[in-house]
PDB file of N, CA and C in Angstrom:
ATOM      1  N   MET A   1     -14.061   9.476 -15.848  1.00  0.00           N
ATOM      2  CA  MET A   1     -14.683   8.271 -15.303  1.00  0.00           C
ATOM      3  C   MET A   1     -13.916   7.811 -14.072  1.00  0.00           C
ATOM      4  N   SER A   2     -14.568   7.711 -12.961  1.00  0.00           N
ATOM      5  CA  SER A   2     -13.870   7.238 -11.767  1.00  0.00           C
ATOM      6  C   SER A   2     -14.269   5.794 -11.504  1.00  0.00           C
ATOM      7  N   SER A   3     -13.330   5.063 -10.925  1.00  0.00           N
ATOM      8  CA  SER A   3     -13.601   3.653 -10.650  1.00  0.00           C
ATOM      9  C   SER A   3     -13.553   3.432  -9.150  1.00  0.00           C
ATOM     10  N   ASP A   4     -14.135   2.328  -8.718  1.00  0.00           N
ATOM     11  CA  ASP A   4     -14.035   1.975  -7.308  1.00  0.00           C
ATOM     12  C   ASP A   4     -12.660   1.403  -7.046  1.00  0.00           C
ATOM     13  N   LEU A   5     -12.051   1.884  -6.003  1.00  0.00           N
ATOM     14  CA  LEU A   5     -10.742   1.382  -5.611  1.00  0.00           C
ATOM     15  C   LEU A   5     -10.870   0.791  -4.218  1.00  0.00           C
ATOM     16  N   LYS A   6     -10.504  -0.481  -4.094  1.00  0.00           N
ATOM     17  CA  LYS A   6     -10.534  -1.130  -2.791  1.00  0.00           C
ATOM     18  C   LYS A   6      -9.152  -1.707  -2.538  1.00  0.00           C
ATOM     19  N   VAL A   7      -8.634  -1.476  -1.344  1.00  0.00           N
ATOM     20  CA  VAL A   7      -7.302  -1.968  -1.003  1.00  0.00           C
ATOM     21  C   VAL A   7      -7.324  -2.589   0.383  1.00  0.00           C
ATOM     22  N   GLN A   8      -6.662  -3.730   0.514  1.00  0.00           N
ATOM     23  CA  GLN A   8      -6.484  -4.370   1.818  1.00  0.00           C
ATOM     24  C   GLN A   8      -5.022  -4.748   1.961  1.00  0.00           C
ATOM     25  N   ALA A   9      -4.516  -4.637   3.181  1.00  0.00           N
ATOM     26  CA  ALA A   9      -3.152  -5.088   3.471  1.00  0.00           C
ATOM     27  C   ALA A   9      -3.252  -6.364   4.295  1.00  0.00           C
ATOM     28  N   TYR A  10      -2.428  -7.344   3.974  1.00  0.00           N
ATOM     29  CA  TYR A  10      -2.450  -8.601   4.725  1.00  0.00           C
ATOM     30  C   TYR A  10      -1.071  -9.207   4.735  1.00  0.00           C
ATOM     31  N   PRO A  11      -0.634  -9.959   5.718  1.00  0.00           N
ATOM     32  CA  PRO A  11      -1.323  -9.996   7.017  1.00  0.00           C
ATOM     33  C   PRO A  11      -1.119  -8.672   7.753  1.00  0.00           C
ATOM     34  N   ASN A  12      -1.984  -8.365   8.663  1.00  0.00           N
ATOM     35  CA  ASN A  12      -1.859  -7.123   9.429  1.00  0.00           C
ATOM     36  C   ASN A  12      -2.429  -7.361  10.816  1.00  0.00           C
ATOM     37  N   PRO A  13      -1.615  -7.297  11.876  1.00  0.00           N
ATOM     38  CA  PRO A  13      -0.182  -6.957  11.882  1.00  0.00           C
ATOM     39  C   PRO A  13       0.680  -8.041  11.226  1.00  0.00           C
ATOM     40  N   TYR A  14       1.874  -7.632  10.791  1.00  0.00           N
ATOM     41  CA  TYR A  14       2.749  -8.577  10.110  1.00  0.00           C
ATOM     42  C   TYR A  14       4.100  -8.676  10.800  1.00  0.00           C
ATOM     43  N   ALA A  15       4.833  -9.741  10.497  1.00  0.00           N
ATOM     44  CA  ALA A  15       6.141  -9.945  11.104  1.00  0.00           C
ATOM     45  C   ALA A  15       7.258  -9.749  10.077  1.00  0.00           C
ATOM     46  N   GLU A  16       7.106 -10.328   8.880  1.00  0.00           N
ATOM     47  CA  GLU A  16       8.160 -10.252   7.865  1.00  0.00           C
ATOM     48  C   GLU A  16       7.861  -9.152   6.841  1.00  0.00           C
ATOM     49  N   SER A  17       6.850  -9.370   6.035  1.00  0.00           N
ATOM     50  CA  SER A  17       6.445  -8.379   5.044  1.00  0.00           C
ATOM     51  C   SER A  17       4.940  -8.510   4.834  1.00  0.00           C
ATOM     52  N   PHE A  18       4.361  -7.515   4.161  1.00  0.00           N
ATOM     53  CA  PHE A  18       2.933  -7.602   3.881  1.00  0.00           C
ATOM     54  C   PHE A  18       2.693  -7.398   2.391  1.00  0.00           C
ATOM     55  N   LYS A  19       1.508  -7.791   1.962  1.00  0.00           N
ATOM     56  CA  LYS A  19       1.108  -7.614   0.572  1.00  0.00           C
ATOM     57  C   LYS A  19      -0.155  -6.778   0.516  1.00  0.00           C
ATOM     58  N   LEU A  20      -0.418  -6.231  -0.646  1.00  0.00           N
ATOM     59  CA  LEU A  20      -1.618  -5.435  -0.842  1.00  0.00           C
ATOM     60  C   LEU A  20      -2.560  -6.170  -1.779  1.00  0.00           C
ATOM     61  N   ASN A  21      -3.830  -6.188  -1.402  1.00  0.00           N
ATOM     62  CA  ASN A  21      -4.862  -6.771  -2.244  1.00  0.00           C
ATOM     63  C   ASN A  21      -5.663  -5.609  -2.823  1.00  0.00           C
ATOM     64  N   LEU A  22      -5.587  -5.439  -4.137  1.00  0.00           N
ATOM     65  CA  LEU A  22      -6.189  -4.284  -4.796  1.00  0.00           C
ATOM     66  C   LEU A  22      -7.339  -4.729  -5.689  1.00  0.00           C
ATOM     67  N   THR A  23      -8.467  -4.047  -5.581  1.00  0.00           N
ATOM     68  CA  THR A  23      -9.585  -4.289  -6.482  1.00  0.00           C
ATOM     69  C   THR A  23      -9.919  -2.982  -7.167  1.00  0.00           C
ATOM     70  N   THR A  24      -9.824  -2.957  -8.484  1.00  0.00           N
ATOM     71  CA  THR A  24     -10.119  -1.738  -9.230  1.00  0.00           C
ATOM     72  C   THR A  24     -10.587  -2.110 -10.622  1.00  0.00           C
ATOM     73  N   SER A  25     -11.360  -1.229 -11.241  1.00  0.00           N
ATOM     74  CA  SER A  25     -11.793  -1.482 -12.613  1.00  0.00           C
ATOM     75  C   SER A  25     -10.975  -0.642 -13.595  1.00  0.00           C
ATOM     76  N   SER A  26      -9.988   0.085 -13.068  1.00  0.00           N
ATOM     77  CA  SER A  26      -9.171   0.964 -13.901  1.00  0.00           C
ATOM     78  C   SER A  26      -7.826   0.324 -14.212  1.00  0.00           C
ATOM     79  N   GLU A  27      -7.242   0.714 -15.345  1.00  0.00           N
ATOM     80  CA  GLU A  27      -5.920   0.226 -15.731  1.00  0.00           C
ATOM     81  C   GLU A  27      -4.832   1.240 -15.378  1.00  0.00           C
ATOM     82  N   ASP A  28      -5.210   2.378 -14.791  1.00  0.00           N
ATOM     83  CA  ASP A  28      -4.247   3.428 -14.469  1.00  0.00           C
ATOM     84  C   ASP A  28      -3.175   2.926 -13.519  1.00  0.00           C
ATOM     85  N   LYS A  29      -2.002   3.551 -13.594  1.00  0.00           N
ATOM     86  CA  LYS A  29      -0.913   3.232 -12.683  1.00  0.00           C
ATOM     87  C   LYS A  29      -1.354   3.463 -11.240  1.00  0.00           C
ATOM     88  N   VAL A  30      -0.786   2.692 -10.333  1.00  0.00           N
ATOM     89  CA  VAL A  30      -1.109   2.791  -8.918  1.00  0.00           C
ATOM     90  C   VAL A  30       0.139   3.285  -8.183  1.00  0.00           C
ATOM     91  N   ASN A  31      -0.027   4.334  -7.377  1.00  0.00           N
ATOM     92  CA  ASN A  31       1.064   4.845  -6.561  1.00  0.00           C
ATOM     93  C   ASN A  31       0.904   4.333  -5.144  1.00  0.00           C
ATOM     94  N   VAL A  32       1.966   3.792  -4.580  1.00  0.00           N
ATOM     95  CA  VAL A  32       1.945   3.316  -3.204  1.00  0.00           C
ATOM     96  C   VAL A  32       2.999   4.100  -2.433  1.00  0.00           C
ATOM     97  N   LEU A  33       2.554   4.850  -1.428  1.00  0.00           N
ATOM     98  CA  LEU A  33       3.448   5.625  -0.570  1.00  0.00           C
ATOM     99  C   LEU A  33       3.319   5.077   0.840  1.00  0.00           C
ATOM    100  N   ILE A  34       4.459   4.869   1.497  1.00  0.00           N
ATOM    101  CA  ILE A  34       4.418   4.343   2.859  1.00  0.00           C
ATOM    102  C   ILE A  34       5.183   5.282   3.774  1.00  0.00           C
ATOM    103  N   TYR A  35       4.494   5.725   4.815  1.00  0.00           N
ATOM    104  CA  TYR A  35       5.054   6.668   5.774  1.00  0.00           C
ATOM    105  C   TYR A  35       5.124   6.019   7.146  1.00  0.00           C
ATOM    106  N   ASP A  36       6.161   6.368   7.914  1.00  0.00           N
ATOM    107  CA  ASP A  36       6.181   5.934   9.307  1.00  0.00           C
ATOM    108  C   ASP A  36       5.367   6.929  10.128  1.00  0.00           C
ATOM    109  N   MET A  37       5.272   6.685  11.436  1.00  0.00           N
ATOM    110  CA  MET A  37       4.394   7.524  12.248  1.00  0.00           C
ATOM    111  C   MET A  37       4.930   8.931  12.481  1.00  0.00           C
ATOM    112  N   THR A  38       6.190   9.188  12.116  1.00  0.00           N
ATOM    113  CA  THR A  38       6.701  10.555  12.213  1.00  0.00           C
ATOM    114  C   THR A  38       6.392  11.333  10.935  1.00  0.00           C
ATOM    115  N   GLY A  39       5.793  10.643   9.957  1.00  0.00           N
ATOM    116  CA  GLY A  39       5.453  11.302   8.709  1.00  0.00           C
ATOM    117  C   GLY A  39       6.556  11.210   7.658  1.00  0.00           C
ATOM    118  N   LYS A  40       7.595  10.437   7.957  1.00  0.00           N
ATOM    119  CA  LYS A  40       8.703  10.278   7.015  1.00  0.00           C
ATOM    120  C   LYS A  40       8.349   9.228   5.964  1.00  0.00           C
ATOM    121  N   LEU A  41       8.592   9.577   4.698  1.00  0.00           N
ATOM    122  CA  LEU A  41       8.349   8.639   3.607  1.00  0.00           C
ATOM    123  C   LEU A  41       9.408   7.545   3.654  1.00  0.00           C
ATOM    124  N   VAL A  42       8.974   6.285   3.795  1.00  0.00           N
ATOM    125  CA  VAL A  42       9.932   5.181   3.887  1.00  0.00           C
ATOM    126  C   VAL A  42       9.953   4.322   2.628  1.00  0.00           C
ATOM    127  N   ASP A  43       8.906   4.427   1.798  1.00  0.00           N
ATOM    128  CA  ASP A  43       8.882   3.635   0.570  1.00  0.00           C
ATOM    129  C   ASP A  43       7.930   4.278  -0.416  1.00  0.00           C
ATOM    130  N   GLN A  44       8.240   4.130  -1.694  1.00  0.00           N
ATOM    131  CA  GLN A  44       7.405   4.693  -2.740  1.00  0.00           C
ATOM    132  C   GLN A  44       7.499   3.785  -3.956  1.00  0.00           C
ATOM    133  N   ARG A  45       6.364   3.372  -4.479  1.00  0.00           N
ATOM    134  CA  ARG A  45       6.349   2.506  -5.669  1.00  0.00           C
ATOM    135  C   ARG A  45       5.286   3.008  -6.632  1.00  0.00           C
ATOM    136  N   GLU A  46       5.548   2.834  -7.923  1.00  0.00           N
ATOM    137  CA  GLU A  46       4.513   3.079  -8.924  1.00  0.00           C
ATOM    138  C   GLU A  46       4.426   1.823  -9.771  1.00  0.00           C
ATOM    139  N   VAL A  47       3.263   1.209  -9.768  1.00  0.00           N
ATOM    140  CA  VAL A  47       3.087  -0.079 -10.437  1.00  0.00           C
ATOM    141  C   VAL A  47       1.765  -0.112 -11.188  1.00  0.00           C
ATOM    142  N   THR A  48       1.600  -1.110 -12.039  1.00  0.00           N
ATOM    143  CA  THR A  48       0.312  -1.310 -12.694  1.00  0.00           C
ATOM    144  C   THR A  48      -0.592  -2.075 -11.720  1.00  0.00           C
ATOM    145  N   PRO A  49      -1.906  -2.001 -11.913  1.00  0.00           N
ATOM    146  CA  PRO A  49      -2.815  -2.719 -11.014  1.00  0.00           C
ATOM    147  C   PRO A  49      -2.494  -4.209 -10.883  1.00  0.00           C
ATOM    148  N   THR A  50      -2.035  -4.845 -11.963  1.00  0.00           N
ATOM    149  CA  THR A  50      -1.745  -6.274 -11.892  1.00  0.00           C
ATOM    150  C   THR A  50      -0.472  -6.559 -11.103  1.00  0.00           C
ATOM    151  N   GLU A  51       0.439  -5.578 -11.015  1.00  0.00           N
ATOM    152  CA  GLU A  51       1.696  -5.780 -10.288  1.00  0.00           C
ATOM    153  C   GLU A  51       1.539  -5.601  -8.780  1.00  0.00           C
ATOM    154  N   VAL A  52       0.470  -4.923  -8.361  1.00  0.00           N
ATOM    155  CA  VAL A  52       0.296  -4.611  -6.940  1.00  0.00           C
ATOM    156  C   VAL A  52       0.324  -5.865  -6.078  1.00  0.00           C
ATOM    157  N   SER A  53      -0.354  -6.920  -6.520  1.00  0.00           N
ATOM    158  CA  SER A  53      -0.450  -8.137  -5.715  1.00  0.00           C
ATOM    159  C   SER A  53       0.900  -8.833  -5.565  1.00  0.00           C
ATOM    160  N   GLU A  54       1.878  -8.483  -6.429  1.00  0.00           N
ATOM    161  CA  GLU A  54       3.193  -9.116  -6.342  1.00  0.00           C
ATOM    162  C   GLU A  54       4.153  -8.345  -5.443  1.00  0.00           C
ATOM    163  N   LEU A  55       3.754  -7.145  -5.033  1.00  0.00           N
ATOM    164  CA  LEU A  55       4.610  -6.350  -4.153  1.00  0.00           C
ATOM    165  C   LEU A  55       4.732  -7.023  -2.798  1.00  0.00           C
ATOM    166  N   GLN A  56       5.958  -7.132  -2.313  1.00  0.00           N
ATOM    167  CA  GLN A  56       6.158  -7.539  -0.923  1.00  0.00           C
ATOM    168  C   GLN A  56       6.773  -6.345  -0.233  1.00  0.00           C
ATOM    169  N   VAL A  57       6.073  -5.822   0.739  1.00  0.00           N
ATOM    170  CA  VAL A  57       6.457  -4.553   1.332  1.00  0.00           C
ATOM    171  C   VAL A  57       6.748  -4.719   2.816  1.00  0.00           C
ATOM    172  N   GLY A  58       7.654  -3.911   3.327  1.00  0.00           N
ATOM    173  CA  GLY A  58       7.817  -3.814   4.767  1.00  0.00           C
ATOM    174  C   GLY A  58       8.892  -4.672   5.381  1.00  0.00           C
ATOM    175  N   ASP A  59       9.598  -5.475   4.582  1.00  0.00           N
ATOM    176  CA  ASP A  59      10.584  -6.381   5.176  1.00  0.00           C
ATOM    177  C   ASP A  59      11.764  -5.632   5.796  1.00  0.00           C
ATOM    178  N   ARG A  60      12.073  -4.428   5.323  1.00  0.00           N
ATOM    179  CA  ARG A  60      13.212  -3.686   5.856  1.00  0.00           C
ATOM    180  C   ARG A  60      12.821  -2.696   6.955  1.00  0.00           C
ATOM    181  N   TYR A  61      11.543  -2.611   7.268  1.00  0.00           N
ATOM    182  CA  TYR A  61      11.083  -1.604   8.224  1.00  0.00           C
ATOM    183  C   TYR A  61      11.298  -2.058   9.657  1.00  0.00           C
ATOM    184  N   PRO A  62      11.646  -1.101  10.540  1.00  0.00           N
ATOM    185  CA  PRO A  62      11.639  -1.439  11.970  1.00  0.00           C
ATOM    186  C   PRO A  62      10.208  -1.633  12.461  1.00  0.00           C
ATOM    187  N   SER A  63      10.053  -2.297  13.609  1.00  0.00           N
ATOM    188  CA  SER A  63       8.719  -2.499  14.181  1.00  0.00           C
ATOM    189  C   SER A  63       8.040  -1.162  14.400  1.00  0.00           C
ATOM    190  N   GLY A  64       6.738  -1.132  14.175  1.00  0.00           N
ATOM    191  CA  GLY A  64       6.006   0.114  14.368  1.00  0.00           C
ATOM    192  C   GLY A  64       4.750   0.148  13.533  1.00  0.00           C
ATOM    193  N   VAL A  65       4.164   1.344  13.448  1.00  0.00           N
ATOM    194  CA  VAL A  65       2.921   1.537  12.713  1.00  0.00           C
ATOM    195  C   VAL A  65       3.226   2.370  11.469  1.00  0.00           C
ATOM    196  N   TYR A  66       2.648   1.972  10.349  1.00  0.00           N
ATOM    197  CA  TYR A  66       2.895   2.649   9.084  1.00  0.00           C
ATOM    198  C   TYR A  66       1.591   3.012   8.398  1.00  0.00           C
ATOM    199  N   ASN A  67       1.589   4.162   7.738  1.00  0.00           N
ATOM    200  CA  ASN A  67       0.454   4.561   6.924  1.00  0.00           C
ATOM    201  C   ASN A  67       0.784   4.254   5.474  1.00  0.00           C
ATOM    202  N   VAL A  68      -0.073   3.475   4.850  1.00  0.00           N
ATOM    203  CA  VAL A  68       0.102   3.106   3.451  1.00  0.00           C
ATOM    204  C   VAL A  68      -0.941   3.876   2.649  1.00  0.00           C
ATOM    205  N   ILE A  69      -0.482   4.713   1.732  1.00  0.00           N
ATOM    206  CA  ILE A  69      -1.392   5.525   0.938  1.00  0.00           C
ATOM    207  C   ILE A  69      -1.345   5.031  -0.500  1.00  0.00           C
ATOM    208  N   VAL A  70      -2.475   4.541  -0.969  1.00  0.00           N
ATOM    209  CA  VAL A  70      -2.568   3.983  -2.310  1.00  0.00           C
ATOM    210  C   VAL A  70      -3.415   4.936  -3.153  1.00  0.00           C
ATOM    211  N   THR A  71      -2.840   5.411  -4.251  1.00  0.00           N
ATOM    212  CA  THR A  71      -3.532   6.366  -5.113  1.00  0.00           C
ATOM    213  C   THR A  71      -3.601   5.837  -6.524  1.00  0.00           C
ATOM    214  N   GLN A  72      -4.785   5.942  -7.111  1.00  0.00           N
ATOM    215  CA  GLN A  72      -4.956   5.614  -8.517  1.00  0.00           C
ATOM    216  C   GLN A  72      -5.887   6.655  -9.109  1.00  0.00           C
ATOM    217  N   GLY A  73      -5.369   7.476 -10.022  1.00  0.00           N
ATOM    218  CA  GLY A  73      -6.174   8.555 -10.583  1.00  0.00           C
ATOM    219  C   GLY A  73      -6.636   9.489  -9.476  1.00  0.00           C
ATOM    220  N   GLU A  74      -7.946   9.670  -9.339  1.00  0.00           N
ATOM    221  CA  GLU A  74      -8.485  10.565  -8.307  1.00  0.00           C
ATOM    222  C   GLU A  74      -8.856   9.819  -7.028  1.00  0.00           C
ATOM    223  N   ASN A  75      -8.636   8.515  -7.009  1.00  0.00           N
ATOM    224  CA  ASN A  75      -8.986   7.710  -5.841  1.00  0.00           C
ATOM    225  C   ASN A  75      -7.778   7.520  -4.930  1.00  0.00           C
ATOM    226  N   THR A  76      -7.991   7.744  -3.638  1.00  0.00           N
ATOM    227  CA  THR A  76      -6.935   7.535  -2.658  1.00  0.00           C
ATOM    228  C   THR A  76      -7.481   6.731  -1.492  1.00  0.00           C
ATOM    229  N   LYS A  77      -6.719   5.733  -1.070  1.00  0.00           N
ATOM    230  CA  LYS A  77      -7.089   4.948   0.106  1.00  0.00           C
ATOM    231  C   LYS A  77      -5.902   4.964   1.063  1.00  0.00           C
ATOM    232  N   THR A  78      -6.194   5.096   2.350  1.00  0.00           N
ATOM    233  CA  THR A  78      -5.148   5.068   3.363  1.00  0.00           C
ATOM    234  C   THR A  78      -5.361   3.871   4.277  1.00  0.00           C
ATOM    235  N   LEU A  79      -4.312   3.096   4.464  1.00  0.00           N
ATOM    236  CA  LEU A  79      -4.364   1.919   5.338  1.00  0.00           C
ATOM    237  C   LEU A  79      -3.345   2.105   6.435  1.00  0.00           C
ATOM    238  N   ARG A  80      -3.612   1.526   7.583  1.00  0.00           N
ATOM    239  CA  ARG A  80      -2.638   1.525   8.660  1.00  0.00           C
ATOM    240  C   ARG A  80      -2.159   0.104   8.854  1.00  0.00           C
ATOM    241  N   VAL A  81      -0.844  -0.085   8.788  1.00  0.00           N
ATOM    242  CA  VAL A  81      -0.276  -1.422   8.940  1.00  0.00           C
ATOM    243  C   VAL A  81       0.663  -1.428  10.132  1.00  0.00           C
ATOM    244  N   ILE A  82       0.681  -2.546  10.836  1.00  0.00           N
ATOM    245  CA  ILE A  82       1.508  -2.675  12.035  1.00  0.00           C
ATOM    246  C   ILE A  82       2.539  -3.771  11.838  1.00  0.00           C
ATOM    247  N   LYS A  83       3.815  -3.403  12.061  1.00  0.00           N
ATOM    248  CA  LYS A  83       4.854  -4.426  12.049  1.00  0.00           C
ATOM    249  C   LYS A  83       5.161  -4.789  13.491  1.00  0.00           C
ATOM    250  N   ARG A  84       5.123  -6.089  13.783  1.00  0.00           N
ATOM    251  CA  ARG A  84       5.365  -6.551  15.151  1.00  0.00           C
ATOM    252  C   ARG A  84       6.808  -6.325  15.556  1.00  0.00           C
TER     253      ARG A  84
END
């Protein structure tokens, strides 16, 4: 059974840190991978769907563009976030 997975990052672009807004009907663990533009993995988290909204991400990152890859089961969403 696959579920709809919707993810938004806000604020974007951000100055301090950003949060993820996740909408899903599944209880499966959520993997969050964050890569910089050189393709280097800068952060990795595995959380439950309810914990996603409490994540504060990006406060230690240098300014730039990041790819945020959110995976739950067979669903994957990729977001691009910009740190000022």
